[in-house]
Amino acid sequence: MKIACVGGGPANLYFSILMKRQDPSHDIAVYERNPAGSTYGWGVTYWAGLLDKLHESDPESARAVRDHSVCWSDGVAHVGDRTTVHHGDEGFGIGRRHLLDLLAQRARSLGVRVEFEHEVTADRLPEADLVVAGDGVNSALRARHADHFGSDITLGRNLYIWLGTTKVLDSFTFAFVETDHGWIWCYAYGFSARQSTCVVECAPETWTGLGLDRASEADGLALLEKLFVDLLGGHGLIGRAHADGSAQWLNFRTLTNRTWSRGNLVLLGDAAHTTHYSIGAGTTLALEDAISLAGALGGHQELSAALAHYEQERRAALLSVQSAARHSAQWYENLPRYIRLPPAQMFALLGQRHSPLLPYIPPQLYYRIDRAAGQLEALRRFKRWLGPRVARTVQARSRR
């Protein structure tokens, strides 16, 4: 099979690895429009469950990813001058650039052609039996046939910016800072021996009140460094500027598509779907997409049947993740509802922010129910049963 993968992100690179392992005679090329080594983002997160799947699919690249990752086992929340620690939250971080380098190296060792600075346009697709659009949320290949794919993008209310810092954190860390214009917060985690990722988020009124909508990148970073001085401990923040020098504050875009394929063109990773960054699942979902698509192609002789199986399998797997991401984003958009709680309660509900039941029950009552549910299996089952039903009922009423 001749396969053209458009976009050099984790999903396409890993898919190319799996297809070459499946059948070395496959003719596979990965086309990336940007130069080698240029990538957005800092570090990405994943958990042990993904590592297990990577080991099952390709032990060699899995070992390389694990060996170049950092690990944490605690979660820490700073709310003003209060700090809460939760032990046992094991996770992993790896630099996005390093991850791409490892996957590209593995793909090339198997005979995949990885071509940088090679732009593929939607009007001139490569001649191939299968074209995989792994070119991200702004996929040009998907946009060319937007009506067919039924693409829908919903903008989140809050604004966020993806930054790096030389402060090395050994725990997954949340920091919430109150200003005269409202709360601003960050999620931060290490991804190498020298750097950490720091994602800063706030409500739009806080963003404008602090002047971040007008600040240059340098001025904006200086302000954020002052606000998060206790977290950073004197270390600086590192950003990426637009051509006009303004910092890259964005509203998160949740993307869905009515269908994921058109003839021999199929969507993969962020080109097919996105989930809010606050649950840290983007890279995991992209790699799981790759595993699913490779498995479907290996198990079906007809391309159309394979693509249908892939889409059906991944849509089913995404349902709970998309729900968790949606409720997590809403939790932060309604932060004042939770931020004044006692530290232990606030941190517990931070960990429960994906719950569909939480928005509809007073926070302190939910906390007591959750504590009781942890001790009674019957109550735990009732809570899992009730949450989605309450959410669906409220959402249905809101549409009327």
Protein backbone atom coordinates (compact mmCIF):
# COMPACT_ATOMS: atom_id res chain seq x y z
CA MET A 1 0.00 0.00 0.00
CA LYS A 2 1.21 3.49 -0.81
CA ILE A 3 0.48 5.85 2.07
CA ALA A 4 0.97 9.63 2.26
CA CYS A 5 0.84 11.15 5.75
CA VAL A 6 0.35 14.91 5.66
CA GLY A 7 1.63 16.54 8.85
CA GLY A 8 4.63 15.49 10.92
CA GLY A 9 2.99 15.33 14.35
CA PRO A 10 2.97 12.39 16.77
CA ALA A 11 -0.12 10.76 15.24
CA ASN A 12 1.23 10.49 11.69
CA LEU A 13 4.74 9.54 12.73
CA TYR A 14 3.49 6.79 15.01
CA PHE A 15 0.99 5.57 12.42
CA SER A 16 3.80 5.28 9.88
CA ILE A 17 5.85 3.24 12.36
CA LEU A 18 3.01 0.82 13.00
CA MET A 19 2.21 0.36 9.32
CA LYS A 20 5.85 -0.35 8.46
CA ARG A 21 6.05 -2.88 11.29
CA GLN A 22 2.86 -4.45 10.01
CA ASP A 23 4.17 -4.78 6.45
CA PRO A 24 7.65 -3.51 5.49
CA SER A 25 6.59 -3.42 1.83
CA HIS A 26 4.25 -0.48 2.46
CA ASP A 27 5.50 2.67 0.69
CA ILE A 28 5.05 5.39 3.32
CA ALA A 29 5.98 9.07 3.32
CA VAL A 30 5.39 11.67 6.03
CA TYR A 31 5.27 15.26 4.75
CA GLU A 32 5.83 18.15 7.16
CA ARG A 33 5.71 21.72 5.90
CA ASN A 34 7.91 23.16 8.66
CA PRO A 35 11.68 22.71 9.04
CA ALA A 36 13.00 19.87 11.18
CA GLY A 37 13.14 20.83 14.85
CA SER A 38 10.51 23.58 14.63
CA THR A 39 7.44 22.73 16.65
CA TYR A 40 4.93 24.51 18.83
CA GLY A 41 4.41 23.74 22.48
CA TRP A 42 6.85 22.81 25.20
CA GLY A 43 6.26 19.56 27.02
CA VAL A 44 3.37 17.13 26.68
CA THR A 45 1.91 14.83 29.33
CA TYR A 46 0.86 11.22 29.34
CA TRP A 47 0.09 8.48 31.85
CA ALA A 48 1.08 4.86 32.40
CA GLY A 49 -1.88 3.52 30.43
CA LEU A 50 -0.53 5.05 27.22
CA LEU A 51 2.94 3.69 27.89
CA ASP A 52 1.48 0.18 28.16
CA LYS A 53 -0.22 0.59 24.77
CA LEU A 54 2.98 1.87 23.19
CA HIS A 55 4.88 -1.14 24.50
CA GLU A 56 2.28 -3.46 23.00
CA SER A 57 2.45 -1.70 19.63
CA ASP A 58 6.19 -0.99 19.27
CA PRO A 59 8.44 -1.79 22.25
CA GLU A 60 11.48 -0.03 20.79
CA SER A 61 9.91 3.43 20.44
CA ALA A 62 8.08 2.94 23.76
CA ARG A 63 11.38 2.41 25.55
CA ALA A 64 12.86 5.49 23.90
CA VAL A 65 9.89 7.63 24.92
CA ARG A 66 9.98 6.40 28.53
CA ASP A 67 13.77 6.81 28.79
CA HIS A 68 13.52 10.46 27.70
CA SER A 69 10.54 11.35 29.90
CA VAL A 70 10.39 12.76 33.41
CA CYS A 71 8.02 11.32 35.97
CA TRP A 72 6.09 12.86 38.85
CA SER A 73 4.01 11.22 41.57
CA ASP A 74 2.42 14.20 43.33
CA GLY A 75 -0.10 16.88 42.54
CA VAL A 76 0.30 20.29 44.20
CA ALA A 77 -2.18 23.16 44.30
CA HIS A 78 -1.21 26.68 45.41
CA VAL A 79 -4.21 28.93 46.09
CA GLY A 80 -2.90 32.28 47.24
CA ASP A 81 -0.69 31.42 50.22
CA ARG A 82 -2.30 28.00 50.80
CA THR A 83 -0.71 24.82 49.48
CA THR A 84 -2.27 21.37 49.22
CA VAL A 85 -0.41 18.23 48.17
CA HIS A 86 -1.95 15.02 46.87
CA HIS A 87 0.33 11.99 46.68
CA GLY A 88 0.03 9.21 44.14
CA ASP A 89 -0.83 11.17 40.98
CA GLU A 90 1.83 9.57 38.78
CA GLY A 91 2.31 11.03 35.35
CA PHE A 92 4.98 11.62 32.71
CA GLY A 93 6.22 14.61 30.72
CA ILE A 94 8.36 14.76 27.60
CA GLY A 95 9.39 17.65 25.37
CA ARG A 96 7.23 17.75 22.27
CA ARG A 97 10.25 18.34 20.04
CA HIS A 98 12.08 15.42 21.64
CA LEU A 99 9.05 13.17 21.17
CA LEU A 100 8.84 14.07 17.49
CA ASP A 101 12.58 13.49 17.03
CA LEU A 102 12.34 10.04 18.62
CA LEU A 103 9.35 9.02 16.50
CA ALA A 104 10.88 10.40 13.29
CA GLN A 105 14.12 8.54 13.98
CA ARG A 106 12.24 5.30 14.57
CA ALA A 107 10.11 5.78 11.45
CA ARG A 108 13.17 6.39 9.29
CA SER A 109 14.92 3.32 10.71
CA LEU A 110 11.99 1.26 9.42
CA GLY A 111 12.13 2.79 5.96
CA VAL A 112 9.57 5.60 6.20
CA ARG A 113 10.45 8.75 4.23
CA VAL A 114 10.09 11.74 6.56
CA GLU A 115 10.29 14.92 4.49
CA PHE A 116 10.46 18.34 6.15
CA GLU A 117 9.74 21.66 4.42
CA HIS A 118 7.42 19.80 2.08
CA GLU A 119 3.99 21.42 1.94
CA VAL A 120 1.07 19.43 0.56
CA THR A 121 -1.87 21.50 -0.65
CA ALA A 122 -5.47 20.33 -0.59
CA ASP A 123 -5.74 20.81 -4.36
CA ARG A 124 -2.69 18.67 -5.14
CA LEU A 125 -2.68 15.61 -2.92
CA PRO A 126 0.07 13.03 -3.36
CA GLU A 127 -0.77 9.99 -5.43
CA ALA A 128 -1.42 7.30 -2.85
CA ASP A 129 -3.79 4.52 -1.87
CA LEU A 130 -4.36 6.32 1.43
CA VAL A 131 -3.85 9.96 2.40
CA VAL A 132 -3.79 10.62 6.15
CA ALA A 133 -4.61 14.18 7.19
CA GLY A 134 -2.70 14.61 10.43
CA ASP A 135 -2.18 18.33 9.90
CA GLY A 136 -3.79 19.54 13.10
CA VAL A 137 -6.85 21.50 14.15
CA ASN A 138 -6.29 23.93 11.26
CA SER A 139 -6.08 21.08 8.75
CA ALA A 140 -6.03 22.46 5.21
CA LEU A 141 -6.99 19.06 3.83
CA ARG A 142 -10.06 18.92 6.04
CA ALA A 143 -11.00 22.55 5.35
CA ARG A 144 -10.99 21.88 1.60
CA HIS A 145 -13.93 19.51 2.14
CA ALA A 146 -15.45 21.12 5.22
CA ASP A 147 -19.02 20.54 4.09
CA HIS A 148 -18.38 16.85 3.63
CA PHE A 149 -16.63 16.41 6.98
CA GLY A 150 -19.20 18.53 8.82
CA SER A 151 -16.56 20.32 10.86
CA ASP A 152 -17.73 22.28 13.89
CA ILE A 153 -15.54 24.41 16.16
CA THR A 154 -16.68 25.74 19.54
CA LEU A 155 -14.60 28.46 21.20
CA GLY A 156 -13.98 28.29 24.93
CA ARG A 157 -14.70 31.37 27.03
CA ASN A 158 -11.38 31.64 28.85
CA LEU A 159 -8.07 32.67 27.31
CA TYR A 160 -4.84 30.74 27.68
CA ILE A 161 -1.21 30.94 26.68
CA TRP A 162 1.30 28.08 26.39
CA LEU A 163 4.67 28.97 27.93
CA GLY A 164 7.92 27.41 29.05
CA THR A 165 10.07 28.12 32.08
CA THR A 166 13.53 27.23 33.31
CA LYS A 167 12.02 26.41 36.70
CA VAL A 168 12.11 22.60 36.95
CA LEU A 169 9.03 21.28 38.73
CA ASP A 170 8.99 17.78 40.20
CA SER A 171 5.20 17.69 40.73
CA PHE A 172 2.22 18.47 38.55
CA THR A 173 1.46 21.92 39.89
CA PHE A 174 -1.54 24.23 39.89
CA ALA A 175 -1.15 27.85 41.00
CA PHE A 176 -4.12 30.21 41.46
CA VAL A 177 -3.45 33.92 42.01
CA GLU A 178 -6.09 36.52 42.86
CA THR A 179 -5.73 39.95 41.26
CA ASP A 180 -7.82 43.12 41.37
CA HIS A 181 -9.41 41.91 38.14
CA GLY A 182 -10.14 38.32 39.10
CA TRP A 183 -8.28 35.04 39.32
CA ILE A 184 -5.51 33.91 37.01
CA TRP A 185 -3.97 30.44 37.21
CA CYS A 186 -1.53 28.06 35.62
CA TYR A 187 -0.91 24.37 35.14
CA ALA A 188 2.79 23.54 35.25
CA TYR A 189 4.83 20.36 34.96
CA GLY A 190 8.39 19.37 34.17
CA PHE A 191 9.31 17.77 30.87
CA SER A 192 13.12 17.68 31.01
CA ALA A 193 15.98 18.18 33.42
CA ARG A 194 16.09 21.87 32.48
CA GLN A 195 12.57 23.09 31.69
CA SER A 196 8.89 22.91 32.54
CA THR A 197 5.67 23.74 30.73
CA CYS A 198 3.48 26.50 32.16
CA VAL A 199 -0.02 26.98 30.73
CA VAL A 200 -1.63 30.20 32.02
CA GLU A 201 -5.39 30.74 31.86
CA CYS A 202 -7.88 33.39 32.96
CA ALA A 203 -11.34 34.76 32.26
CA PRO A 204 -11.62 37.41 29.51
CA GLU A 205 -12.43 40.18 31.99
CA THR A 206 -9.25 39.36 33.94
CA TRP A 207 -7.24 39.27 30.72
CA THR A 208 -8.38 42.74 29.67
CA GLY A 209 -8.31 44.13 33.21
CA LEU A 210 -4.65 43.19 33.58
CA GLY A 211 -3.87 44.70 30.18
CA LEU A 212 -2.72 41.40 28.72
CA ASP A 213 -4.83 42.04 25.63
CA ARG A 214 -2.65 45.06 24.83
CA ALA A 215 0.74 43.97 26.15
CA SER A 216 3.67 42.99 23.99
CA GLU A 217 5.06 39.54 24.61
CA ALA A 218 7.90 40.90 26.75
CA ASP A 219 5.60 43.05 28.89
CA GLY A 220 3.04 40.27 29.21
CA LEU A 221 5.64 37.75 30.34
CA ALA A 222 7.07 40.24 32.84
CA LEU A 223 3.62 40.70 34.37
CA LEU A 224 3.00 36.95 34.55
CA GLU A 225 6.40 36.43 36.17
CA LYS A 226 5.41 38.87 38.92
CA LEU A 227 2.03 37.22 39.42
CA PHE A 228 3.54 33.72 39.66
CA VAL A 229 6.75 34.71 41.43
CA ASP A 230 6.17 32.22 44.27
CA LEU A 231 5.83 29.35 41.81
CA LEU A 232 8.71 30.39 39.57
CA GLY A 233 11.15 31.22 42.35
CA GLY A 234 12.96 33.84 40.28
CA HIS A 235 12.99 31.86 37.04
CA GLY A 236 11.66 33.41 33.86
CA LEU A 237 8.89 32.47 31.46
CA ILE A 238 9.58 31.75 27.80
CA GLY A 239 7.04 32.44 25.07
CA ARG A 240 6.52 32.46 21.34
CA ALA A 241 5.60 35.79 19.75
CA HIS A 242 3.50 36.54 16.71
CA ALA A 243 5.17 38.55 13.94
CA ASP A 244 3.75 41.74 15.47
CA GLY A 245 5.33 40.96 18.85
CA SER A 246 2.09 40.23 20.69
CA ALA A 247 1.85 37.16 22.89
CA GLN A 248 -0.14 34.17 21.68
CA TRP A 249 -3.23 34.21 23.87
CA LEU A 250 -5.95 31.97 22.47
CA ASN A 251 -9.44 30.69 23.12
CA PHE A 252 -9.40 26.90 23.03
CA ARG A 253 -11.13 25.43 20.00
CA THR A 254 -13.07 22.22 20.50
CA LEU A 255 -13.31 20.53 17.10
CA THR A 256 -15.73 17.81 16.07
CA ASN A 257 -16.47 16.33 12.65
CA ARG A 258 -19.56 14.58 11.36
CA THR A 259 -17.41 12.07 9.49
CA TRP A 260 -13.68 11.37 9.46
CA SER A 261 -13.06 10.11 5.94
CA ARG A 262 -13.72 10.97 2.32
CA GLY A 263 -12.72 8.35 -0.22
CA ASN A 264 -9.07 7.57 0.48
CA LEU A 265 -8.59 10.63 2.73
CA VAL A 266 -8.86 10.10 6.49
CA LEU A 267 -8.51 12.45 9.47
CA LEU A 268 -6.19 11.64 12.37
CA GLY A 269 -5.50 13.28 15.73
CA ASP A 270 -6.32 16.98 16.11
CA ALA A 271 -7.50 17.13 12.50
CA ALA A 272 -10.38 14.86 13.56
CA HIS A 273 -11.10 16.01 17.13
CA THR A 274 -9.73 18.12 19.98
CA THR A 275 -10.23 17.95 23.74
CA HIS A 276 -9.55 20.74 26.21
CA TYR A 277 -5.92 20.90 27.34
CA SER A 278 -6.89 20.84 31.03
CA ILE A 279 -7.25 17.05 30.96
CA GLY A 280 -3.86 16.58 29.28
CA ALA A 281 -5.08 13.99 26.77
CA GLY A 282 -4.24 15.46 23.36
CA THR A 283 -1.04 13.52 22.64
CA THR A 284 -2.46 10.32 24.12
CA LEU A 285 -5.55 10.51 21.91
CA ALA A 286 -3.46 11.20 18.81
CA LEU A 287 -1.29 8.13 19.42
CA GLU A 288 -4.34 6.01 20.21
CA ASP A 289 -5.86 7.15 16.90
CA ALA A 290 -2.72 5.93 15.15
CA ILE A 291 -2.91 2.54 16.88
CA SER A 292 -6.59 2.19 15.97
CA LEU A 293 -6.16 3.17 12.32
CA ALA A 294 -3.20 0.84 11.83
CA GLY A 295 -5.13 -1.98 13.47
CA ALA A 296 -8.19 -1.38 11.30
CA LEU A 297 -6.12 -1.38 8.11
CA GLY A 298 -4.43 -4.60 9.17
CA GLY A 299 -7.74 -6.29 9.86
CA HIS A 300 -9.72 -5.29 6.75
CA GLN A 301 -8.96 -5.88 3.09
CA GLU A 302 -11.30 -3.12 1.90
CA LEU A 303 -10.11 0.43 2.62
CA SER A 304 -13.64 1.78 3.14
CA ALA A 305 -14.40 -0.93 5.73
CA ALA A 306 -11.13 -0.23 7.55
CA LEU A 307 -11.78 3.51 7.73
CA ALA A 308 -15.34 2.93 8.94
CA HIS A 309 -14.10 0.55 11.65
CA TYR A 310 -11.43 3.05 12.76
CA GLU A 311 -13.93 5.88 13.04
CA GLN A 312 -16.48 3.77 14.90
CA GLU A 313 -13.90 2.47 17.36
CA ARG A 314 -12.39 5.87 18.10
CA ARG A 315 -15.70 7.70 18.38
CA ALA A 316 -16.81 5.21 21.02
CA ALA A 317 -13.52 5.58 22.91
CA LEU A 318 -13.72 9.38 22.78
CA LEU A 319 -17.19 9.78 24.29
CA SER A 320 -16.12 9.71 27.93
CA VAL A 321 -12.94 11.71 27.26
CA GLN A 322 -14.81 14.46 25.42
CA SER A 323 -17.34 14.66 28.24
CA ALA A 324 -14.54 14.91 30.81
CA ALA A 325 -12.80 17.63 28.79
CA ARG A 326 -15.99 19.63 28.38
CA HIS A 327 -16.76 19.55 32.10
CA SER A 328 -13.15 20.28 33.02
CA ALA A 329 -13.15 23.41 30.86
CA GLN A 330 -16.45 24.51 32.41
CA TRP A 331 -15.04 23.99 35.90
CA TYR A 332 -12.33 26.54 35.21
CA GLU A 333 -14.80 28.89 33.53
CA ASN A 334 -16.76 28.81 36.80
CA LEU A 335 -13.74 28.96 39.10
CA PRO A 336 -15.27 31.48 41.58
CA ARG A 337 -17.78 28.75 42.51
CA TYR A 338 -14.98 26.61 43.97
CA ILE A 339 -11.97 28.77 44.75
CA ARG A 340 -13.08 29.90 48.26
CA LEU A 341 -13.60 26.37 49.54
CA PRO A 342 -11.28 25.00 52.25
CA PRO A 343 -8.03 23.85 50.60
CA ALA A 344 -8.66 20.11 50.93
CA GLN A 345 -12.16 20.44 49.47
CA MET A 346 -11.06 22.70 46.66
CA PHE A 347 -8.26 20.32 45.66
CA ALA A 348 -10.62 17.34 45.81
CA LEU A 349 -13.11 19.07 43.51
CA LEU A 350 -10.26 20.12 41.23
CA GLY A 351 -9.63 16.40 40.82
CA GLN A 352 -13.36 15.81 40.22
CA ARG A 353 -13.77 18.65 37.70
CA HIS A 354 -14.59 16.21 34.89
CA SER A 355 -17.73 15.02 36.70
CA PRO A 356 -21.02 15.73 34.85
CA LEU A 357 -22.78 15.91 38.22
CA LEU A 358 -20.58 18.55 39.88
CA PRO A 359 -22.00 21.65 38.10
CA TYR A 360 -25.51 20.88 39.35
CA ILE A 361 -24.84 20.21 43.05
CA PRO A 362 -23.57 22.72 45.64
CA PRO A 363 -19.80 22.16 45.85
CA GLN A 364 -19.65 21.34 49.57
CA LEU A 365 -22.54 18.89 49.24
CA TYR A 366 -20.83 17.25 46.27
CA TYR A 367 -17.65 16.95 48.32
CA ARG A 368 -19.51 15.16 51.13
CA ILE A 369 -21.25 12.86 48.64
CA ASP A 370 -17.95 12.07 46.96
CA ARG A 371 -16.31 11.29 50.30
CA ALA A 372 -19.18 8.98 51.23
CA ALA A 373 -19.15 7.36 47.79
CA GLY A 374 -15.51 6.48 48.29
CA GLN A 375 -16.56 4.23 51.17
CA LEU A 376 -19.83 2.77 49.81
CA GLU A 377 -19.83 0.91 46.49
CA ALA A 378 -23.61 1.25 46.05
CA LEU A 379 -23.42 5.04 46.41
CA ARG A 380 -20.45 5.14 44.05
CA ARG A 381 -22.48 3.28 41.38
CA PHE A 382 -25.46 5.59 41.93
CA LYS A 383 -23.23 8.65 41.50
CA ARG A 384 -21.85 7.29 38.21
CA TRP A 385 -25.38 6.50 37.03
CA LEU A 386 -26.90 9.86 38.03
CA GLY A 387 -24.24 12.25 36.73
CA PRO A 388 -24.68 11.75 32.96
CA ARG A 389 -28.47 11.74 33.29
CA VAL A 390 -28.58 15.05 35.14
CA ALA A 391 -26.19 16.59 32.60
CA ARG A 392 -28.24 15.39 29.62
CA THR A 393 -31.49 16.67 31.15
CA VAL A 394 -30.08 20.13 31.87
CA GLN A 395 -28.45 20.36 28.43
CA ALA A 396 -31.69 19.35 26.71
CA ARG A 397 -33.62 22.04 28.60
CA SER A 398 -31.03 24.68 27.74
CA ARG A 399 -31.53 24.01 24.01
CA ARG A 400 -35.28 24.69 24.14
